[in-house]
PDB file of N, CA and C in Angstrom:
ATOM      1  N   MET A   1       4.648   1.059 -33.084  1.00  0.00           N
ATOM      2  CA  MET A   1       5.432   0.144 -32.280  1.00  0.00           C
ATOM      3  C   MET A   1       6.893   0.538 -32.406  1.00  0.00           C
ATOM      4  N   ALA A   2       7.542   0.709 -31.260  1.00  0.00           N
ATOM      5  CA  ALA A   2       8.953   1.110 -31.230  1.00  0.00           C
ATOM      6  C   ALA A   2       9.837  -0.133 -31.192  1.00  0.00           C
ATOM      7  N   HIS A   3      11.092   0.053 -31.587  1.00  0.00           N
ATOM      8  CA  HIS A   3      12.080  -1.018 -31.528  1.00  0.00           C
ATOM      9  C   HIS A   3      13.300  -0.518 -30.774  1.00  0.00           C
ATOM     10  N   VAL A   4      13.883  -1.400 -29.950  1.00  0.00           N
ATOM     11  CA  VAL A   4      15.035  -1.064 -29.132  1.00  0.00           C
ATOM     12  C   VAL A   4      16.025  -2.212 -29.241  1.00  0.00           C
ATOM     13  N   SER A   5      17.302  -1.871 -29.274  1.00  0.00           N
ATOM     14  CA  SER A   5      18.345  -2.892 -29.216  1.00  0.00           C
ATOM     15  C   SER A   5      18.856  -2.962 -27.792  1.00  0.00           C
ATOM     16  N   VAL A   6      18.797  -4.143 -27.200  1.00  0.00           N
ATOM     17  CA  VAL A   6      19.274  -4.341 -25.835  1.00  0.00           C
ATOM     18  C   VAL A   6      20.463  -5.289 -25.884  1.00  0.00           C
ATOM     19  N   THR A   7      21.327  -5.178 -24.885  1.00  0.00           N
ATOM     20  CA  THR A   7      22.500  -6.040 -24.805  1.00  0.00           C
ATOM     21  C   THR A   7      22.409  -6.866 -23.539  1.00  0.00           C
ATOM     22  N   ILE A   8      22.454  -8.175 -23.721  1.00  0.00           N
ATOM     23  CA  ILE A   8      22.461  -9.094 -22.592  1.00  0.00           C
ATOM     24  C   ILE A   8      23.574 -10.097 -22.837  1.00  0.00           C
ATOM     25  N   ASN A   9      24.468 -10.187 -21.870  1.00  0.00           N
ATOM     26  CA  ASN A   9      25.612 -11.098 -21.953  1.00  0.00           C
ATOM     27  C   ASN A   9      26.446 -10.844 -23.207  1.00  0.00           C
ATOM     28  N   GLY A  10      26.587  -9.573 -23.537  1.00  0.00           N
ATOM     29  CA  GLY A  10      27.416  -9.202 -24.674  1.00  0.00           C
ATOM     30  C   GLY A  10      26.770  -9.390 -26.028  1.00  0.00           C
ATOM     31  N   ARG A  11      25.532  -9.814 -26.061  1.00  0.00           N
ATOM     32  CA  ARG A  11      24.840 -10.034 -27.327  1.00  0.00           C
ATOM     33  C   ARG A  11      23.713  -9.031 -27.481  1.00  0.00           C
ATOM     34  N   GLN A  12      23.545  -8.579 -28.702  1.00  0.00           N
ATOM     35  CA  GLN A  12      22.496  -7.599 -29.023  1.00  0.00           C
ATOM     36  C   GLN A  12      21.207  -8.323 -29.410  1.00  0.00           C
ATOM     37  N   PHE A  13      20.104  -7.774 -28.907  1.00  0.00           N
ATOM     38  CA  PHE A  13      18.792  -8.298 -29.257  1.00  0.00           C
ATOM     39  C   PHE A  13      17.899  -7.129 -29.630  1.00  0.00           C
ATOM     40  N   ARG A  14      17.236  -7.243 -30.762  1.00  0.00           N
ATOM     41  CA  ARG A  14      16.296  -6.195 -31.192  1.00  0.00           C
ATOM     42  C   ARG A  14      14.921  -6.573 -30.647  1.00  0.00           C
ATOM     43  N   MET A  15      14.343  -5.657 -29.869  1.00  0.00           N
ATOM     44  CA  MET A  15      13.083  -5.914 -29.191  1.00  0.00           C
ATOM     45  C   MET A  15      12.049  -4.872 -29.617  1.00  0.00           C
ATOM     46  N   ALA A  16      10.814  -5.282 -29.684  1.00  0.00           N
ATOM     47  CA  ALA A  16       9.710  -4.368 -29.960  1.00  0.00           C
ATOM     48  C   ALA A  16       9.030  -4.025 -28.642  1.00  0.00           C
ATOM     49  N   CYS A  17       8.521  -2.792 -28.568  1.00  0.00           N
ATOM     50  CA  CYS A  17       7.777  -2.374 -27.383  1.00  0.00           C
ATOM     51  C   CYS A  17       6.808  -1.266 -27.788  1.00  0.00           C
ATOM     52  N   ASP A  18       5.889  -0.958 -26.898  1.00  0.00           N
ATOM     53  CA  ASP A  18       4.961   0.147 -27.159  1.00  0.00           C
ATOM     54  C   ASP A  18       5.728   1.456 -27.217  1.00  0.00           C
ATOM     55  N   ASP A  19       5.234   2.375 -28.016  1.00  0.00           N
ATOM     56  CA  ASP A  19       5.852   3.697 -28.089  1.00  0.00           C
ATOM     57  C   ASP A  19       5.898   4.313 -26.699  1.00  0.00           C
ATOM     58  N   GLY A  20       7.022   4.911 -26.371  1.00  0.00           N
ATOM     59  CA  GLY A  20       7.193   5.542 -25.068  1.00  0.00           C
ATOM     60  C   GLY A  20       7.732   4.598 -24.009  1.00  0.00           C
ATOM     61  N   GLN A  21       7.837   3.310 -24.317  1.00  0.00           N
ATOM     62  CA  GLN A  21       8.314   2.323 -23.339  1.00  0.00           C
ATOM     63  C   GLN A  21       9.780   1.927 -23.558  1.00  0.00           C
ATOM     64  N   GLU A  22      10.429   2.646 -24.444  1.00  0.00           N
ATOM     65  CA  GLU A  22      11.802   2.280 -24.796  1.00  0.00           C
ATOM     66  C   GLU A  22      12.742   2.313 -23.578  1.00  0.00           C
ATOM     67  N   ASP A  23      12.710   3.395 -22.808  1.00  0.00           N
ATOM     68  CA  ASP A  23      13.597   3.510 -21.646  1.00  0.00           C
ATOM     69  C   ASP A  23      13.297   2.434 -20.617  1.00  0.00           C
ATOM     70  N   HIS A  24      12.036   2.134 -20.442  1.00  0.00           N
ATOM     71  CA  HIS A  24      11.645   1.086 -19.496  1.00  0.00           C
ATOM     72  C   HIS A  24      12.218  -0.264 -19.934  1.00  0.00           C
ATOM     73  N   LEU A  25      12.096  -0.580 -21.212  1.00  0.00           N
ATOM     74  CA  LEU A  25      12.631  -1.837 -21.733  1.00  0.00           C
ATOM     75  C   LEU A  25      14.151  -1.882 -21.580  1.00  0.00           C
ATOM     76  N   LEU A  26      14.817  -0.772 -21.816  1.00  0.00           N
ATOM     77  CA  LEU A  26      16.275  -0.721 -21.656  1.00  0.00           C
ATOM     78  C   LEU A  26      16.668  -0.972 -20.192  1.00  0.00           C
ATOM     79  N   ARG A  27      15.912  -0.392 -19.255  1.00  0.00           N
ATOM     80  CA  ARG A  27      16.196  -0.612 -17.821  1.00  0.00           C
ATOM     81  C   ARG A  27      15.986  -2.079 -17.443  1.00  0.00           C
ATOM     82  N   LEU A  28      14.906  -2.676 -17.948  1.00  0.00           N
ATOM     83  CA  LEU A  28      14.653  -4.090 -17.660  1.00  0.00           C
ATOM     84  C   LEU A  28      15.774  -4.971 -18.211  1.00  0.00           C
ATOM     85  N   ALA A  29      16.195  -4.697 -19.419  1.00  0.00           N
ATOM     86  CA  ALA A  29      17.276  -5.474 -20.030  1.00  0.00           C
ATOM     87  C   ALA A  29      18.568  -5.298 -19.233  1.00  0.00           C
ATOM     88  N   ALA A  30      18.812  -4.097 -18.742  1.00  0.00           N
ATOM     89  CA  ALA A  30      20.001  -3.858 -17.926  1.00  0.00           C
ATOM     90  C   ALA A  30      19.944  -4.678 -16.637  1.00  0.00           C
ATOM     91  N   GLU A  31      18.764  -4.802 -16.047  1.00  0.00           N
ATOM     92  CA  GLU A  31      18.616  -5.618 -14.838  1.00  0.00           C
ATOM     93  C   GLU A  31      18.900  -7.088 -15.137  1.00  0.00           C
ATOM     94  N   VAL A  32      18.373  -7.575 -16.248  1.00  0.00           N
ATOM     95  CA  VAL A  32      18.623  -8.975 -16.628  1.00  0.00           C
ATOM     96  C   VAL A  32      20.110  -9.171 -16.896  1.00  0.00           C
ATOM     97  N   ASN A  33      20.719  -8.230 -17.589  1.00  0.00           N
ATOM     98  CA  ASN A  33      22.148  -8.328 -17.884  1.00  0.00           C
ATOM     99  C   ASN A  33      22.961  -8.333 -16.588  1.00  0.00           C
ATOM    100  N   GLU A  34      22.529  -7.546 -15.614  1.00  0.00           N
ATOM    101  CA  GLU A  34      23.211  -7.511 -14.316  1.00  0.00           C
ATOM    102  C   GLU A  34      23.123  -8.881 -13.638  1.00  0.00           C
ATOM    103  N   LYS A  35      21.969  -9.518 -13.717  1.00  0.00           N
ATOM    104  CA  LYS A  35      21.813 -10.859 -13.140  1.00  0.00           C
ATOM    105  C   LYS A  35      22.745 -11.851 -13.839  1.00  0.00           C
ATOM    106  N   VAL A  36      22.813 -11.775 -15.156  1.00  0.00           N
ATOM    107  CA  VAL A  36      23.687 -12.666 -15.917  1.00  0.00           C
ATOM    108  C   VAL A  36      25.141 -12.431 -15.503  1.00  0.00           C
ATOM    109  N   ASP A  37      25.518 -11.157 -15.356  1.00  0.00           N
ATOM    110  CA  ASP A  37      26.894 -10.833 -14.933  1.00  0.00           C
ATOM    111  C   ASP A  37      27.182 -11.385 -13.535  1.00  0.00           C
ATOM    112  N   GLN A  38      26.202 -11.296 -12.628  1.00  0.00           N
ATOM    113  CA  GLN A  38      26.375 -11.853 -11.284  1.00  0.00           C
ATOM    114  C   GLN A  38      26.607 -13.356 -11.353  1.00  0.00           C
ATOM    115  N   LEU A  39      25.814 -14.019 -12.169  1.00  0.00           N
ATOM    116  CA  LEU A  39      25.948 -15.466 -12.306  1.00  0.00           C
ATOM    117  C   LEU A  39      27.281 -15.845 -12.946  1.00  0.00           C
ATOM    118  N   LYS A  40      27.710 -15.088 -13.940  1.00  0.00           N
ATOM    119  CA  LYS A  40      29.009 -15.360 -14.569  1.00  0.00           C
ATOM    120  C   LYS A  40      30.126 -15.183 -13.555  1.00  0.00           C
ATOM    121  N   GLY A  41      29.975 -14.164 -12.684  1.00  0.00           N
ATOM    122  CA  GLY A  41      30.983 -13.955 -11.653  1.00  0.00           C
ATOM    123  C   GLY A  41      31.025 -15.097 -10.652  1.00  0.00           C
ATOM    124  N   ALA A  42      29.881 -15.664 -10.364  1.00  0.00           N
ATOM    125  CA  ALA A  42      29.811 -16.751  -9.395  1.00  0.00           C
ATOM    126  C   ALA A  42      30.165 -18.101  -9.989  1.00  0.00           C
ATOM    127  N   PHE A  43      29.756 -18.360 -11.247  1.00  0.00           N
ATOM    128  CA  PHE A  43      29.910 -19.694 -11.837  1.00  0.00           C
ATOM    129  C   PHE A  43      30.827 -19.742 -13.053  1.00  0.00           C
ATOM    130  N   GLY A  44      31.231 -18.606 -13.568  1.00  0.00           N
ATOM    131  CA  GLY A  44      32.064 -18.578 -14.775  1.00  0.00           C
ATOM    132  C   GLY A  44      31.203 -18.756 -16.015  1.00  0.00           C
ATOM    133  N   GLU A  45      31.845 -19.043 -17.112  1.00  0.00           N
ATOM    134  CA  GLU A  45      31.141 -19.238 -18.380  1.00  0.00           C
ATOM    135  C   GLU A  45      30.514 -20.631 -18.367  1.00  0.00           C
ATOM    136  N   ILE A  46      29.210 -20.686 -18.174  1.00  0.00           N
ATOM    137  CA  ILE A  46      28.523 -21.982 -18.108  1.00  0.00           C
ATOM    138  C   ILE A  46      27.529 -22.149 -19.254  1.00  0.00           C
ATOM    139  N   GLY A  47      27.618 -21.271 -20.226  1.00  0.00           N
ATOM    140  CA  GLY A  47      26.738 -21.360 -21.386  1.00  0.00           C
ATOM    141  C   GLY A  47      25.643 -20.313 -21.340  1.00  0.00           C
ATOM    142  N   ASP A  48      25.384 -19.744 -22.523  1.00  0.00           N
ATOM    143  CA  ASP A  48      24.381 -18.676 -22.630  1.00  0.00           C
ATOM    144  C   ASP A  48      22.998 -19.116 -22.157  1.00  0.00           C
ATOM    145  N   THR A  49      22.590 -20.290 -22.604  1.00  0.00           N
ATOM    146  CA  THR A  49      21.238 -20.745 -22.265  1.00  0.00           C
ATOM    147  C   THR A  49      21.099 -20.941 -20.766  1.00  0.00           C
ATOM    148  N   ARG A  50      22.071 -21.591 -20.175  1.00  0.00           N
ATOM    149  CA  ARG A  50      22.008 -21.839 -18.730  1.00  0.00           C
ATOM    150  C   ARG A  50      22.051 -20.529 -17.953  1.00  0.00           C
ATOM    151  N   LEU A  51      22.908 -19.615 -18.350  1.00  0.00           N
ATOM    152  CA  LEU A  51      22.967 -18.306 -17.687  1.00  0.00           C
ATOM    153  C   LEU A  51      21.635 -17.574 -17.793  1.00  0.00           C
ATOM    154  N   THR A  52      21.051 -17.616 -18.986  1.00  0.00           N
ATOM    155  CA  THR A  52      19.777 -16.930 -19.207  1.00  0.00           C
ATOM    156  C   THR A  52      18.678 -17.558 -18.364  1.00  0.00           C
ATOM    157  N   VAL A  53      18.632 -18.882 -18.307  1.00  0.00           N
ATOM    158  CA  VAL A  53      17.616 -19.572 -17.511  1.00  0.00           C
ATOM    159  C   VAL A  53      17.806 -19.256 -16.031  1.00  0.00           C
ATOM    160  N   MET A  54      19.042 -19.287 -15.567  1.00  0.00           N
ATOM    161  CA  MET A  54      19.305 -18.993 -14.160  1.00  0.00           C
ATOM    162  C   MET A  54      18.932 -17.544 -13.829  1.00  0.00           C
ATOM    163  N   ALA A  55      19.245 -16.628 -14.726  1.00  0.00           N
ATOM    164  CA  ALA A  55      18.881 -15.224 -14.507  1.00  0.00           C
ATOM    165  C   ALA A  55      17.359 -15.065 -14.476  1.00  0.00           C
ATOM    166  N   ALA A  56      16.678 -15.760 -15.383  1.00  0.00           N
ATOM    167  CA  ALA A  56      15.212 -15.700 -15.412  1.00  0.00           C
ATOM    168  C   ALA A  56      14.635 -16.247 -14.111  1.00  0.00           C
ATOM    169  N   ILE A  57      15.208 -17.319 -13.591  1.00  0.00           N
ATOM    170  CA  ILE A  57      14.729 -17.896 -12.332  1.00  0.00           C
ATOM    171  C   ILE A  57      14.971 -16.922 -11.177  1.00  0.00           C
ATOM    172  N   MET A  58      16.125 -16.247 -11.178  1.00  0.00           N
ATOM    173  CA  MET A  58      16.397 -15.258 -10.129  1.00  0.00           C
ATOM    174  C   MET A  58      15.368 -14.125 -10.174  1.00  0.00           C
ATOM    175  N   VAL A  59      15.080 -13.650 -11.371  1.00  0.00           N
ATOM    176  CA  VAL A  59      14.091 -12.577 -11.516  1.00  0.00           C
ATOM    177  C   VAL A  59      12.715 -13.075 -11.096  1.00  0.00           C
ATOM    178  N   ALA A  60      12.365 -14.305 -11.489  1.00  0.00           N
ATOM    179  CA  ALA A  60      11.069 -14.868 -11.103  1.00  0.00           C
ATOM    180  C   ALA A  60      10.981 -15.025  -9.585  1.00  0.00           C
ATOM    181  N   ASP A  61      12.083 -15.409  -8.938  1.00  0.00           N
ATOM    182  CA  ASP A  61      12.109 -15.541  -7.483  1.00  0.00           C
ATOM    183  C   ASP A  61      11.894 -14.183  -6.817  1.00  0.00           C
ATOM    184  N   GLU A  62      12.557 -13.156  -7.325  1.00  0.00           N
ATOM    185  CA  GLU A  62      12.371 -11.804  -6.795  1.00  0.00           C
ATOM    186  C   GLU A  62      10.923 -11.351  -6.990  1.00  0.00           C
ATOM    187  N   LEU A  63      10.365 -11.645  -8.148  1.00  0.00           N
ATOM    188  CA  LEU A  63       8.978 -11.282  -8.426  1.00  0.00           C
ATOM    189  C   LEU A  63       8.027 -12.014  -7.475  1.00  0.00           C
ATOM    190  N   ALA A  64       8.281 -13.297  -7.230  1.00  0.00           N
ATOM    191  CA  ALA A  64       7.439 -14.063  -6.305  1.00  0.00           C
ATOM    192  C   ALA A  64       7.511 -13.467  -4.900  1.00  0.00           C
ATOM    193  N   ASP A  65       8.703 -13.046  -4.486  1.00  0.00           N
ATOM    194  CA  ASP A  65       8.868 -12.428  -3.174  1.00  0.00           C
ATOM    195  C   ASP A  65       8.108 -11.108  -3.095  1.00  0.00           C
ATOM    196  N   VAL A  66       8.198 -10.312  -4.144  1.00  0.00           N
ATOM    197  CA  VAL A  66       7.476  -9.033  -4.171  1.00  0.00           C
ATOM    198  C   VAL A  66       5.970  -9.272  -4.143  1.00  0.00           C
ATOM    199  N   ARG A  67       5.511 -10.259  -4.876  1.00  0.00           N
ATOM    200  CA  ARG A  67       4.076 -10.584  -4.870  1.00  0.00           C
ATOM    201  C   ARG A  67       3.617 -11.012  -3.479  1.00  0.00           C
ATOM    202  N   ARG A  68       4.438 -11.839  -2.818  1.00  0.00           N
ATOM    203  CA  ARG A  68       4.106 -12.292  -1.463  1.00  0.00           C
ATOM    204  C   ARG A  68       4.038 -11.095  -0.511  1.00  0.00           C
ATOM    205  N   ARG A  69       5.017 -10.211  -0.599  1.00  0.00           N
ATOM    206  CA  ARG A  69       5.022  -9.028   0.268  1.00  0.00           C
ATOM    207  C   ARG A  69       3.855  -8.104  -0.053  1.00  0.00           C
ATOM    208  N   LEU A  70       3.521  -7.976  -1.320  1.00  0.00           N
ATOM    209  CA  LEU A  70       2.380  -7.150  -1.713  1.00  0.00           C
ATOM    210  C   LEU A  70       1.091  -7.725  -1.153  1.00  0.00           C
ATOM    211  N   LYS A  71       0.939  -9.036  -1.246  1.00  0.00           N
ATOM    212  CA  LYS A  71      -0.262  -9.679  -0.712  1.00  0.00           C
ATOM    213  C   LYS A  71      -0.363  -9.448   0.794  1.00  0.00           C
ATOM    214  N   ALA A  72       0.756  -9.569   1.501  1.00  0.00           N
ATOM    215  CA  ALA A  72       0.764  -9.328   2.946  1.00  0.00           C
ATOM    216  C   ALA A  72       0.427  -7.868   3.247  1.00  0.00           C
ATOM    217  N   ALA A  73       0.982  -6.951   2.466  1.00  0.00           N
ATOM    218  CA  ALA A  73       0.703  -5.524   2.667  1.00  0.00           C
ATOM    219  C   ALA A  73      -0.765  -5.215   2.382  1.00  0.00           C
ATOM    220  N   GLU A  74      -1.322  -5.831   1.355  1.00  0.00           N
ATOM    221  CA  GLU A  74      -2.744  -5.630   1.043  1.00  0.00           C
ATOM    222  C   GLU A  74      -3.625  -6.163   2.165  1.00  0.00           C
ATOM    223  N   ALA A  75      -3.247  -7.312   2.736  1.00  0.00           N
ATOM    224  CA  ALA A  75      -4.015  -7.876   3.855  1.00  0.00           C
ATOM    225  C   ALA A  75      -3.930  -6.945   5.065  1.00  0.00           C
ATOM    226  N   GLU A  76      -2.739  -6.431   5.332  1.00  0.00           N
ATOM    227  CA  GLU A  76      -2.562  -5.499   6.455  1.00  0.00           C
ATOM    228  C   GLU A  76      -3.353  -4.227   6.212  1.00  0.00           C
ATOM    229  N   LEU A  77      -3.333  -3.739   4.989  1.00  0.00           N
ATOM    230  CA  LEU A  77      -4.098  -2.541   4.652  1.00  0.00           C
ATOM    231  C   LEU A  77      -5.590  -2.784   4.859  1.00  0.00           C
ATOM    232  N   GLY A  78      -6.074  -3.948   4.442  1.00  0.00           N
ATOM    233  CA  GLY A  78      -7.483  -4.290   4.650  1.00  0.00           C
ATOM    234  C   GLY A  78      -7.830  -4.318   6.132  1.00  0.00           C
ATOM    235  N   ALA A  79      -6.938  -4.906   6.935  1.00  0.00           N
ATOM    236  CA  ALA A  79      -7.175  -4.961   8.381  1.00  0.00           C
ATOM    237  C   ALA A  79      -7.175  -3.553   8.979  1.00  0.00           C
ATOM    238  N   LEU A  80      -6.267  -2.712   8.514  1.00  0.00           N
ATOM    239  CA  LEU A  80      -6.225  -1.332   9.006  1.00  0.00           C
ATOM    240  C   LEU A  80      -7.481  -0.564   8.610  1.00  0.00           C
ATOM    241  N   ARG A  81      -7.961  -0.795   7.401  1.00  0.00           N
ATOM    242  CA  ARG A  81      -9.195  -0.139   6.967  1.00  0.00           C
ATOM    243  C   ARG A  81     -10.374  -0.587   7.827  1.00  0.00           C
ATOM    244  N   ASP A  82     -10.432  -1.891   8.107  1.00  0.00           N
ATOM    245  CA  ASP A  82     -11.510  -2.414   8.955  1.00  0.00           C
ATOM    246  C   ASP A  82     -11.426  -1.804  10.352  1.00  0.00           C
ATOM    247  N   ALA A  83     -10.215  -1.728  10.901  1.00  0.00           N
ATOM    248  CA  ALA A  83     -10.034  -1.151  12.234  1.00  0.00           C
ATOM    249  C   ALA A  83     -10.421   0.323  12.242  1.00  0.00           C
ATOM    250  N   ARG A  84     -10.052   1.041  11.189  1.00  0.00           N
ATOM    251  CA  ARG A  84     -10.409   2.463  11.099  1.00  0.00           C
ATOM    252  C   ARG A  84     -11.921   2.637  11.031  1.00  0.00           C
ATOM    253  N   ALA A  85     -12.586   1.780  10.262  1.00  0.00           N
ATOM    254  CA  ALA A  85     -14.045   1.864  10.159  1.00  0.00           C
ATOM    255  C   ALA A  85     -14.688   1.573  11.511  1.00  0.00           C
ATOM    256  N   LEU A  86     -14.164   0.579  12.230  1.00  0.00           N
ATOM    257  CA  LEU A  86     -14.691   0.247  13.551  1.00  0.00           C
ATOM    258  C   LEU A  86     -14.481   1.404  14.523  1.00  0.00           C
ATOM    259  N   LEU A  87     -13.292   2.002  14.483  1.00  0.00           N
ATOM    260  CA  LEU A  87     -13.028   3.148  15.362  1.00  0.00           C
ATOM    261  C   LEU A  87     -13.924   4.334  15.020  1.00  0.00           C
ATOM    262  N   ALA A  88     -14.137   4.575  13.740  1.00  0.00           N
ATOM    263  CA  ALA A  88     -15.020   5.673  13.332  1.00  0.00           C
ATOM    264  C   ALA A  88     -16.441   5.420  13.832  1.00  0.00           C
ATOM    265  N   GLU A  89     -16.870   4.162  13.775  1.00  0.00           N
ATOM    266  CA  GLU A  89     -18.203   3.803  14.263  1.00  0.00           C
ATOM    267  C   GLU A  89     -18.291   4.031  15.774  1.00  0.00           C
ATOM    268  N   ARG A  90     -17.233   3.629  16.490  1.00  0.00           N
ATOM    269  CA  ARG A  90     -17.214   3.845  17.943  1.00  0.00           C
ATOM    270  C   ARG A  90     -17.210   5.325  18.291  1.00  0.00           C
ATOM    271  N   VAL A  91     -16.456   6.110  17.546  1.00  0.00           N
ATOM    272  CA  VAL A  91     -16.418   7.560  17.782  1.00  0.00           C
ATOM    273  C   VAL A  91     -17.813   8.142  17.581  1.00  0.00           C
ATOM    274  N   THR A  92     -18.474   7.729  16.524  1.00  0.00           N
ATOM    275  CA  THR A  92     -19.827   8.221  16.253  1.00  0.00           C
ATOM    276  C   THR A  92     -20.774   7.834  17.387  1.00  0.00           C
ATOM    277  N   GLU A  93     -20.668   6.585  17.846  1.00  0.00           N
ATOM    278  CA  GLU A  93     -21.523   6.134  18.951  1.00  0.00           C
ATOM    279  C   GLU A  93     -21.253   6.952  20.216  1.00  0.00           C
ATOM    280  N   ARG A  94     -19.980   7.201  20.509  1.00  0.00           N
ATOM    281  CA  ARG A  94     -19.629   7.969  21.708  1.00  0.00           C
ATOM    282  C   ARG A  94     -20.066   9.417  21.579  1.00  0.00           C
ATOM    283  N   GLU A  95     -19.906   9.984  20.386  1.00  0.00           N
ATOM    284  CA  GLU A  95     -20.368  11.363  20.177  1.00  0.00           C
ATOM    285  C   GLU A  95     -21.877  11.457  20.382  1.00  0.00           C
ATOM    286  N   THR A  96     -22.589  10.458  19.868  1.00  0.00           N
ATOM    287  CA  THR A  96     -24.047  10.435  20.034  1.00  0.00           C
ATOM    288  C   THR A  96     -24.404  10.311  21.516  1.00  0.00           C
ATOM    289  N   ALA A  97     -23.704   9.428  22.230  1.00  0.00           N
ATOM    290  CA  ALA A  97     -23.956   9.250  23.661  1.00  0.00           C
ATOM    291  C   ALA A  97     -23.633  10.531  24.430  1.00  0.00           C
ATOM    292  N   MET A  98     -22.532  11.174  24.084  1.00  0.00           N
ATOM    293  CA  MET A  98     -22.159  12.423  24.764  1.00  0.00           C
ATOM    294  C   MET A  98     -23.162  13.522  24.467  1.00  0.00           C
ATOM    295  N   ALA A  99     -23.623  13.598  23.242  1.00  0.00           N
ATOM    296  CA  ALA A  99     -24.620  14.607  22.890  1.00  0.00           C
ATOM    297  C   ALA A  99     -25.894  14.370  23.678  1.00  0.00           C
ATOM    298  N   GLY A 100     -26.296  13.114  23.825  1.00  0.00           N
ATOM    299  CA  GLY A 100     -27.478  12.783  24.618  1.00  0.00           C
ATOM    300  C   GLY A 100     -27.283  13.156  26.080  1.00  0.00           C
ATOM    301  N   ALA A 101     -26.101  12.855  26.615  1.00  0.00           N
ATOM    302  CA  ALA A 101     -25.809  13.196  28.011  1.00  0.00           C
ATOM    303  C   ALA A 101     -25.818  14.703  28.209  1.00  0.00           C
ATOM    304  N   LEU A 102     -25.263  15.438  27.254  1.00  0.00           N
ATOM    305  CA  LEU A 102     -25.271  16.904  27.348  1.00  0.00           C
ATOM    306  C   LEU A 102     -26.694  17.452  27.257  1.00  0.00           C
ATOM    307  N   ASP A 103     -27.491  16.866  26.370  1.00  0.00           N
ATOM    308  CA  ASP A 103     -28.897  17.288  26.270  1.00  0.00           C
ATOM    309  C   ASP A 103     -29.621  17.032  27.590  1.00  0.00           C
ATOM    310  N   ASP A 104     -29.381  15.870  28.182  1.00  0.00           N
ATOM    311  CA  ASP A 104     -29.997  15.542  29.472  1.00  0.00           C
ATOM    312  C   ASP A 104     -29.524  16.514  30.553  1.00  0.00           C
ATOM    313  N   ALA A 105     -28.234  16.804  30.569  1.00  0.00           N
ATOM    314  CA  ALA A 105     -27.697  17.739  31.563  1.00  0.00           C
ATOM    315  C   ALA A 105     -28.283  19.128  31.362  1.00  0.00           C
ATOM    316  N   ALA A 106     -28.397  19.565  30.121  1.00  0.00           N
ATOM    317  CA  ALA A 106     -28.975  20.879  29.842  1.00  0.00           C
ATOM    318  C   ALA A 106     -30.429  20.925  30.289  1.00  0.00           C
ATOM    319  N   ALA A 107     -31.158  19.854  30.039  1.00  0.00           N
ATOM    320  CA  ALA A 107     -32.568  19.802  30.462  1.00  0.00           C
ATOM    321  C   ALA A 107     -32.661  19.859  31.986  1.00  0.00           C
ATOM    322  N   SER A 108     -31.764  19.137  32.669  1.00  0.00           N
ATOM    323  CA  SER A 108     -31.764  19.166  34.137  1.00  0.00           C
ATOM    324  C   SER A 108     -31.440  20.553  34.659  1.00  0.00           C
ATOM    325  N   ILE A 109     -30.472  21.214  34.032  1.00  0.00           N
ATOM    326  CA  ILE A 109     -30.103  22.582  34.442  1.00  0.00           C
ATOM    327  C   ILE A 109     -31.278  23.520  34.221  1.00  0.00           C
ATOM    328  N   GLU A 110     -31.939  23.377  33.092  1.00  0.00           N
ATOM    329  CA  GLU A 110     -33.103  24.237  32.823  1.00  0.00           C
ATOM    330  C   GLU A 110     -34.206  23.990  33.851  1.00  0.00           C
ATOM    331  N   ARG A 111     -34.445  22.733  34.228  1.00  0.00           N
ATOM    332  CA  ARG A 111     -35.455  22.438  35.251  1.00  0.00           C
ATOM    333  C   ARG A 111     -35.062  23.041  36.591  1.00  0.00           C
ATOM    334  N   LEU A 112     -33.800  22.864  36.956  1.00  0.00           N
ATOM    335  CA  LEU A 112     -33.336  23.436  38.219  1.00  0.00           C
ATOM    336  C   LEU A 112     -33.424  24.960  38.212  1.00  0.00           C
ATOM    337  N   THR A 113     -33.063  25.556  37.089  1.00  0.00           N
ATOM    338  CA  THR A 113     -33.139  27.014  36.959  1.00  0.00           C
ATOM    339  C   THR A 113     -34.582  27.467  37.106  1.00  0.00           C
ATOM    340  N   ALA A 114     -35.485  26.735  36.455  1.00  0.00           N
ATOM    341  CA  ALA A 114     -36.905  27.093  36.548  1.00  0.00           C
ATOM    342  C   ALA A 114     -37.393  26.942  37.984  1.00  0.00           C
ATOM    343  N   GLN A 115     -36.953  25.861  38.661  1.00  0.00           N
ATOM    344  CA  GLN A 115     -37.373  25.662  40.047  1.00  0.00           C
ATOM    345  C   GLN A 115     -36.816  26.754  40.951  1.00  0.00           C
ATOM    346  N   LEU A 116     -35.538  27.090  40.745  1.00  0.00           N
ATOM    347  CA  LEU A 116     -34.925  28.148  41.566  1.00  0.00           C
ATOM    348  C   LEU A 116     -35.573  29.490  41.297  1.00  0.00           C
ATOM    349  N   THR A 117     -35.900  29.752  40.045  1.00  0.00           N
ATOM    350  CA  THR A 117     -36.553  30.999  39.691  1.00  0.00           C
ATOM    351  C   THR A 117     -37.922  31.053  40.348  1.00  0.00           C
ATOM    352  N   GLY A 118     -38.648  29.953  40.328  1.00  0.00           N
ATOM    353  CA  GLY A 118     -39.970  29.885  40.950  1.00  0.00           C
ATOM    354  C   GLY A 118     -39.870  30.065  42.448  1.00  0.00           C
ATOM    355  N   LEU A 119     -38.832  29.499  43.081  1.00  0.00           N
ATOM    356  CA  LEU A 119     -38.661  29.638  44.527  1.00  0.00           C
ATOM    357  C   LEU A 119     -38.330  31.077  44.903  1.00  0.00           C
ATOM    358  N   SER A 120     -37.482  31.701  44.094  1.00  0.00           N
ATOM    359  CA  SER A 120     -37.090  33.079  44.437  1.00  0.00           C
ATOM    360  C   SER A 120     -38.256  34.031  44.264  1.00  0.00           C
ATOM    361  N   ARG A 121     -39.180  33.753  43.370  1.00  0.00           N
ATOM    362  CA  ARG A 121     -40.354  34.625  43.175  1.00  0.00           C
ATOM    363  C   ARG A 121     -41.338  34.444  44.334  1.00  0.00           C
ATOM    364  N   THR A 122     -41.468  33.215  44.780  1.00  0.00           N
ATOM    365  CA  THR A 122     -42.437  32.993  45.863  1.00  0.00           C
ATOM    366  C   THR A 122     -41.844  33.415  47.207  1.00  0.00           C
ATOM    367  N   GLY A 123     -40.542  33.424  47.298  1.00  0.00           N
ATOM    368  CA  GLY A 123     -39.916  33.799  48.565  1.00  0.00           C
ATOM    369  C   GLY A 123     -39.751  35.307  48.716  1.00  0.00           C
ATOM    370  N   SER A 124     -39.907  36.096  47.698  1.00  0.00           N
ATOM    371  CA  SER A 124     -39.718  37.528  47.854  1.00  0.00           C
ATOM    372  C   SER A 124     -40.937  38.256  48.217  1.00  0.00           C
TER     373      SER A 124
END
């Protein structure tokens, strides 16, 4: 287990994380610190706890928005997959129909060829 010191609102916090996740934890802490700085810029010094809670709510709101967009994207992806499957089924049906029509046309041509060949033999 790794340990990282992060700074939020000018205060150091020692955090534990999985090995290899140190940079990720530092980036997350920097994002939280940025939110706290934004709030301090907008509201001034309103207390560490209140700033932290407000920053957490902002992050939670962003997360809720991302989840909503992800759910919408997943639904759209599902609809696109269904449409693709339907189109593939239609293509297969049309290919089968075209193959049947070509087989029928080839059979008709062969019959006509046989009839013409028979006529030319009897006419000579």
